[in-house]
Amino acid sequence: MVDVSFHTGVEDRTTYACRLLRKAARQGARVLVRGAPAEMDLLDKALWTFEAQEFVPHHRLRPGREVAPQLERTPVWLMDEGEVWPEALVPAQVLLQMAAEAAQDAEKWTRLIELVGDDPEERRQARQRWRAYEAQGLQVQAVNVGARSHE
């Protein structure tokens, strides 16, 4: 069964995602991040620059574009919301959800993490996603990262 957690109180979602993805890559996890195209573009750039001496290996999946064979082992993948994981690639185990809607494929992941900031509209959307996952019979937990999100 998938482990669903909502990381709440995230002050800066992009920076928090960078740190989370750096940790996941170091641990050998394969992660898909899904969100709005503009947010995925911002995250793509941030993963190159958020730490001066580091780079988090990642690839931005674009609809209709083939993935070069040398990129297939990349640990972090960025994809626009509404898109699906290409069948030709080895599946990711973790979904980092930065989209406004609940993941329609929640059951296929080992772990699903939702990032929730302090914006009232963002919190309202998160409550809807929480209810959607519970309606699918998934156990959901909250992780209040609050002040830790900008350490």
Protein backbone atom coordinates (compact mmCIF):
# COMPACT_ATOMS: atom_id res chain seq x y z
CA MET A 1 0.00 0.00 0.00
CA VAL A 2 1.16 3.51 -0.78
CA ASP A 3 2.46 5.74 2.02
CA VAL A 4 0.73 9.14 1.57
CA SER A 5 2.00 12.12 3.53
CA PHE A 6 1.20 15.81 3.37
CA HIS A 7 4.14 18.04 4.26
CA THR A 8 2.37 21.15 5.57
CA GLY A 9 3.59 24.59 6.55
CA VAL A 10 6.13 24.65 3.72
CA GLU A 11 7.27 28.26 3.45
CA ASP A 12 9.09 27.96 0.10
CA ARG A 13 7.93 24.92 -1.87
CA THR A 14 10.70 25.13 -4.47
CA THR A 15 13.56 25.22 -1.96
CA TYR A 16 11.93 22.55 0.20
CA ALA A 17 11.45 20.34 -2.88
CA CYS A 18 15.12 20.82 -3.83
CA ARG A 19 16.26 19.65 -0.40
CA LEU A 20 13.85 16.72 -0.40
CA LEU A 21 14.97 15.68 -3.88
CA ARG A 22 18.65 16.00 -2.98
CA LYS A 23 18.07 13.65 -0.03
CA ALA A 24 16.09 11.19 -2.17
CA ALA A 25 18.77 11.14 -4.88
CA ARG A 26 21.50 10.54 -2.28
CA GLN A 27 19.50 7.59 -0.94
CA GLY A 28 19.10 6.11 -4.41
CA ALA A 29 15.37 6.73 -4.74
CA ARG A 30 13.75 7.37 -8.09
CA VAL A 31 11.31 10.29 -7.83
CA LEU A 32 8.75 11.85 -10.12
CA VAL A 33 7.70 15.42 -9.35
CA ARG A 34 4.41 16.54 -10.88
CA GLY A 35 3.02 20.06 -10.88
CA ALA A 36 1.99 23.10 -12.88
CA PRO A 37 4.27 23.70 -15.90
CA ALA A 38 5.51 27.06 -14.58
CA GLU A 39 6.33 25.54 -11.20
CA MET A 40 8.16 22.61 -12.85
CA ASP A 41 10.19 25.08 -14.93
CA LEU A 42 11.08 26.98 -11.75
CA LEU A 43 12.06 23.76 -9.96
CA ASP A 44 14.10 22.65 -12.97
CA LYS A 45 16.18 25.85 -12.74
CA ALA A 46 16.40 25.71 -8.95
CA LEU A 47 17.81 22.18 -8.97
CA TRP A 48 20.78 23.57 -10.93
CA THR A 49 21.42 26.51 -8.62
CA PHE A 50 20.03 26.04 -5.09
CA GLU A 51 23.41 24.90 -3.72
CA ALA A 52 26.59 26.43 -5.14
CA GLN A 53 28.67 23.22 -5.00
CA GLU A 54 25.97 20.67 -5.80
CA PHE A 55 23.76 19.46 -8.60
CA VAL A 56 20.71 17.24 -8.20
CA PRO A 57 20.57 14.99 -11.28
CA HIS A 58 17.18 15.47 -12.89
CA HIS A 59 15.39 15.56 -16.21
CA ARG A 60 12.36 17.55 -17.34
CA LEU A 61 9.96 15.23 -19.19
CA ARG A 62 8.17 16.95 -22.05
CA PRO A 63 5.05 15.45 -23.68
CA GLY A 64 5.81 13.73 -26.96
CA ARG A 65 9.60 13.88 -26.58
CA GLU A 66 11.70 10.74 -26.42
CA VAL A 67 14.06 10.22 -23.49
CA ALA A 68 17.66 9.62 -24.53
CA PRO A 69 18.94 6.22 -23.31
CA GLN A 70 21.76 7.82 -21.28
CA LEU A 71 19.15 9.71 -19.21
CA GLU A 72 17.10 6.67 -18.22
CA ARG A 73 18.96 6.20 -14.91
CA THR A 74 18.28 9.78 -13.80
CA PRO A 75 16.92 9.73 -10.21
CA VAL A 76 14.63 12.81 -10.38
CA TRP A 77 12.06 13.45 -13.07
CA LEU A 78 9.91 16.58 -13.49
CA MET A 79 6.58 16.35 -15.28
CA ASP A 80 3.60 18.62 -15.88
CA GLU A 81 0.42 17.78 -13.97
CA GLY A 82 -1.96 15.62 -15.95
CA GLU A 83 0.86 13.78 -17.73
CA VAL A 84 1.59 10.08 -17.14
CA TRP A 85 4.84 8.23 -16.57
CA PRO A 86 6.24 6.89 -19.89
CA GLU A 87 5.90 3.10 -20.02
CA ALA A 88 9.32 2.75 -21.65
CA LEU A 89 11.07 4.04 -18.49
CA VAL A 90 11.81 2.09 -15.34
CA PRO A 91 9.11 3.25 -12.92
CA ALA A 92 9.79 5.74 -10.15
CA GLN A 93 8.86 4.66 -6.61
CA VAL A 94 8.10 8.09 -5.16
CA LEU A 95 5.73 10.79 -6.37
CA LEU A 96 6.33 14.31 -5.10
CA GLN A 97 3.02 16.01 -5.82
CA MET A 98 3.04 19.79 -6.31
CA ALA A 99 -0.15 19.86 -8.39
CA ALA A 100 -3.50 21.40 -7.47
CA GLU A 101 -5.39 18.15 -8.07
CA ALA A 102 -4.98 14.78 -6.39
CA ALA A 103 -2.86 12.20 -8.21
CA GLN A 104 -5.19 9.96 -10.21
CA ASP A 105 -2.59 7.19 -10.09
CA ALA A 106 -1.88 7.37 -6.34
CA GLU A 107 -2.03 3.61 -5.82
CA LYS A 108 0.89 2.90 -8.18
CA TRP A 109 3.51 4.65 -6.00
CA THR A 110 5.37 3.27 -3.00
CA ARG A 111 5.35 6.74 -1.47
CA LEU A 112 3.39 9.88 -2.32
CA ILE A 113 4.34 13.23 -0.80
CA GLU A 114 2.16 16.31 -1.13
CA LEU A 115 3.76 19.73 -0.51
CA VAL A 116 1.45 22.30 1.09
CA GLY A 117 2.38 25.93 1.68
CA ASP A 118 0.70 28.51 3.89
CA ASP A 119 -1.48 30.12 1.22
CA PRO A 120 -5.19 29.71 2.16
CA GLU A 121 -6.14 28.57 -1.37
CA GLU A 122 -3.31 26.06 -1.37
CA ARG A 123 -4.45 24.68 1.99
CA ARG A 124 -8.06 24.43 0.73
CA GLN A 125 -6.90 22.46 -2.32
CA ALA A 126 -4.79 20.23 -0.07
CA ARG A 127 -7.83 19.39 2.06
CA GLN A 128 -9.65 18.32 -1.12
CA ARG A 129 -6.71 16.13 -2.16
CA TRP A 130 -6.58 14.61 1.33
CA ARG A 131 -10.27 13.67 1.09
CA ALA A 132 -9.75 12.27 -2.42
CA TYR A 133 -6.98 9.96 -1.19
CA GLU A 134 -9.06 8.83 1.78
CA ALA A 135 -11.96 8.13 -0.59
CA GLN A 136 -9.58 5.80 -2.48
CA GLY A 137 -9.04 3.92 0.78
CA LEU A 138 -5.53 5.24 1.34
CA GLN A 139 -4.11 6.08 4.77
CA VAL A 140 -2.97 9.71 4.88
CA GLN A 141 -0.72 11.39 7.43
CA ALA A 142 0.29 15.00 8.03
CA VAL A 143 3.88 16.09 8.61
CA ASN A 144 4.08 19.70 9.82
CA VAL A 145 7.44 20.92 8.62
CA GLY A 146 6.71 24.56 9.53
CA ALA A 147 9.95 26.27 10.49
CA ARG A 148 12.06 23.39 9.13
CA SER A 149 11.11 24.29 5.52
CA HIS A 150 13.56 27.22 5.46
CA GLU A 151 16.46 25.84 7.49
